Amino acid sequence: MSDQAKELSPAHITKGNVAETIVEQFPKDPLLKRETLELVRAYYAIPNDKVRRQVYELAKSLATVKASSAA
């Protein structure tokens, strides 16, 4: 039996190790961060469609600059 199968086995789960095992298997999702949720709420709170689109384009360009400067 593989180590992964052992970790997910009922015997291992009943010992209380299931939460740690499951959390370790999945990377942290950036969409669940408070910062991301606040950013999305602020974006949709912009009443002017043109301004909202400009903010979107600005964010995209900043992400591109960061990605190209990291290389």
C-alpha atoms as a PDB file:
ATOM      1  CA  MET A   1       0.000   0.000   0.000  1.00  0.00           C
ATOM      2  CA  SER A   2       1.383   3.414  -0.929  1.00  0.00           C
ATOM      3  CA  ASP A   3       1.986   6.076   1.695  1.00  0.00           C
ATOM      4  CA  GLN A   4      -0.739   8.233   0.176  1.00  0.00           C
ATOM      5  CA  ALA A   5      -3.256   5.401   0.383  1.00  0.00           C
ATOM      6  CA  LYS A   6      -2.251   4.731   3.996  1.00  0.00           C
ATOM      7  CA  GLU A   7      -2.765   8.397   4.886  1.00  0.00           C
ATOM      8  CA  LEU A   8      -6.287   8.327   3.457  1.00  0.00           C
ATOM      9  CA  SER A   9      -7.210   4.984   4.954  1.00  0.00           C
ATOM     10  CA  PRO A  10     -10.070   4.805   7.485  1.00  0.00           C
ATOM     11  CA  ALA A  11      -7.649   3.712  10.206  1.00  0.00           C
ATOM     12  CA  HIS A  12      -5.516   6.812   9.706  1.00  0.00           C
ATOM     13  CA  ILE A  13      -8.556   9.081   9.445  1.00  0.00           C
ATOM     14  CA  THR A  14     -10.047   7.838  12.713  1.00  0.00           C
ATOM     15  CA  LYS A  15      -6.838   8.753  14.519  1.00  0.00           C
ATOM     16  CA  GLY A  16      -7.604  12.431  13.821  1.00  0.00           C
ATOM     17  CA  ASN A  17      -5.011  13.042  11.143  1.00  0.00           C
ATOM     18  CA  VAL A  18      -7.404  13.586   8.246  1.00  0.00           C
ATOM     19  CA  ALA A  19      -7.536  17.391   8.382  1.00  0.00           C
ATOM     20  CA  GLU A  20      -3.774  17.761   8.319  1.00  0.00           C
ATOM     21  CA  THR A  21      -3.457  15.240   5.492  1.00  0.00           C
ATOM     22  CA  ILE A  22      -6.081  16.895   3.316  1.00  0.00           C
ATOM     23  CA  VAL A  23      -4.773  20.424   3.896  1.00  0.00           C
ATOM     24  CA  GLU A  24      -1.233  19.387   2.991  1.00  0.00           C
ATOM     25  CA  GLN A  25      -2.390  17.855  -0.309  1.00  0.00           C
ATOM     26  CA  PHE A  26      -3.953  20.999  -1.753  1.00  0.00           C
ATOM     27  CA  PRO A  27      -2.066  24.233  -2.434  1.00  0.00           C
ATOM     28  CA  LYS A  28      -3.505  27.388  -0.951  1.00  0.00           C
ATOM     29  CA  ASP A  29      -6.030  28.961  -3.300  1.00  0.00           C
ATOM     30  CA  PRO A  30      -5.344  32.685  -3.830  1.00  0.00           C
ATOM     31  CA  LEU A  31      -9.034  33.219  -4.584  1.00  0.00           C
ATOM     32  CA  LEU A  32      -9.860  32.419  -0.965  1.00  0.00           C
ATOM     33  CA  LYS A  33      -7.643  35.144   0.473  1.00  0.00           C
ATOM     34  CA  ARG A  34      -9.317  38.105   2.152  1.00  0.00           C
ATOM     35  CA  GLU A  35      -7.234  40.477  -0.003  1.00  0.00           C
ATOM     36  CA  THR A  36      -8.619  38.935  -3.203  1.00  0.00           C
ATOM     37  CA  LEU A  37     -12.206  39.176  -2.007  1.00  0.00           C
ATOM     38  CA  GLU A  38     -11.750  42.817  -0.999  1.00  0.00           C
ATOM     39  CA  LEU A  39     -10.211  43.619  -4.376  1.00  0.00           C
ATOM     40  CA  VAL A  40     -13.089  42.003  -6.263  1.00  0.00           C
ATOM     41  CA  ARG A  41     -15.680  43.785  -4.130  1.00  0.00           C
ATOM     42  CA  ALA A  42     -13.955  47.130  -4.632  1.00  0.00           C
ATOM     43  CA  TYR A  43     -13.740  46.525  -8.389  1.00  0.00           C
ATOM     44  CA  TYR A  44     -17.451  45.789  -8.720  1.00  0.00           C
ATOM     45  CA  ALA A  45     -18.296  48.763  -6.486  1.00  0.00           C
ATOM     46  CA  ILE A  46     -16.922  51.155  -9.151  1.00  0.00           C
ATOM     47  CA  PRO A  47     -20.106  52.593 -10.659  1.00  0.00           C
ATOM     48  CA  ASN A  48     -18.615  53.870 -13.928  1.00  0.00           C
ATOM     49  CA  ASP A  49     -18.124  51.103 -16.524  1.00  0.00           C
ATOM     50  CA  LYS A  50     -15.344  53.000 -18.303  1.00  0.00           C
ATOM     51  CA  VAL A  51     -13.377  53.558 -15.090  1.00  0.00           C
ATOM     52  CA  ARG A  52     -13.904  49.934 -14.051  1.00  0.00           C
ATOM     53  CA  ARG A  53     -12.500  48.787 -17.415  1.00  0.00           C
ATOM     54  CA  GLN A  54      -9.482  51.089 -16.982  1.00  0.00           C
ATOM     55  CA  VAL A  55      -8.797  49.622 -13.544  1.00  0.00           C
ATOM     56  CA  TYR A  56      -8.974  46.154 -15.094  1.00  0.00           C
ATOM     57  CA  GLU A  57      -6.516  47.107 -17.843  1.00  0.00           C
ATOM     58  CA  LEU A  58      -4.187  48.689 -15.277  1.00  0.00           C
ATOM     59  CA  ALA A  59      -4.180  45.541 -13.153  1.00  0.00           C
ATOM     60  CA  LYS A  60      -3.435  43.395 -16.205  1.00  0.00           C
ATOM     61  CA  SER A  61      -0.550  45.645 -17.259  1.00  0.00           C
ATOM     62  CA  LEU A  62       0.917  45.636 -13.750  1.00  0.00           C
ATOM     63  CA  ALA A  63       0.789  41.850 -13.676  1.00  0.00           C
ATOM     64  CA  THR A  64       2.597  41.711 -17.016  1.00  0.00           C
ATOM     65  CA  VAL A  65       5.305  44.098 -15.804  1.00  0.00           C
ATOM     66  CA  LYS A  66       5.866  42.003 -12.690  1.00  0.00           C
ATOM     67  CA  ALA A  67       6.013  38.758 -14.671  1.00  0.00           C
ATOM     68  CA  SER A  68       8.494  40.116 -17.215  1.00  0.00           C
ATOM     69  CA  SER A  69      10.754  41.760 -14.605  1.00  0.00           C
ATOM     70  CA  ALA A  70      10.928  38.544 -12.562  1.00  0.00           C
ATOM     71  CA  ALA A  71      12.469  36.641 -15.479  1.00  0.00           C
END
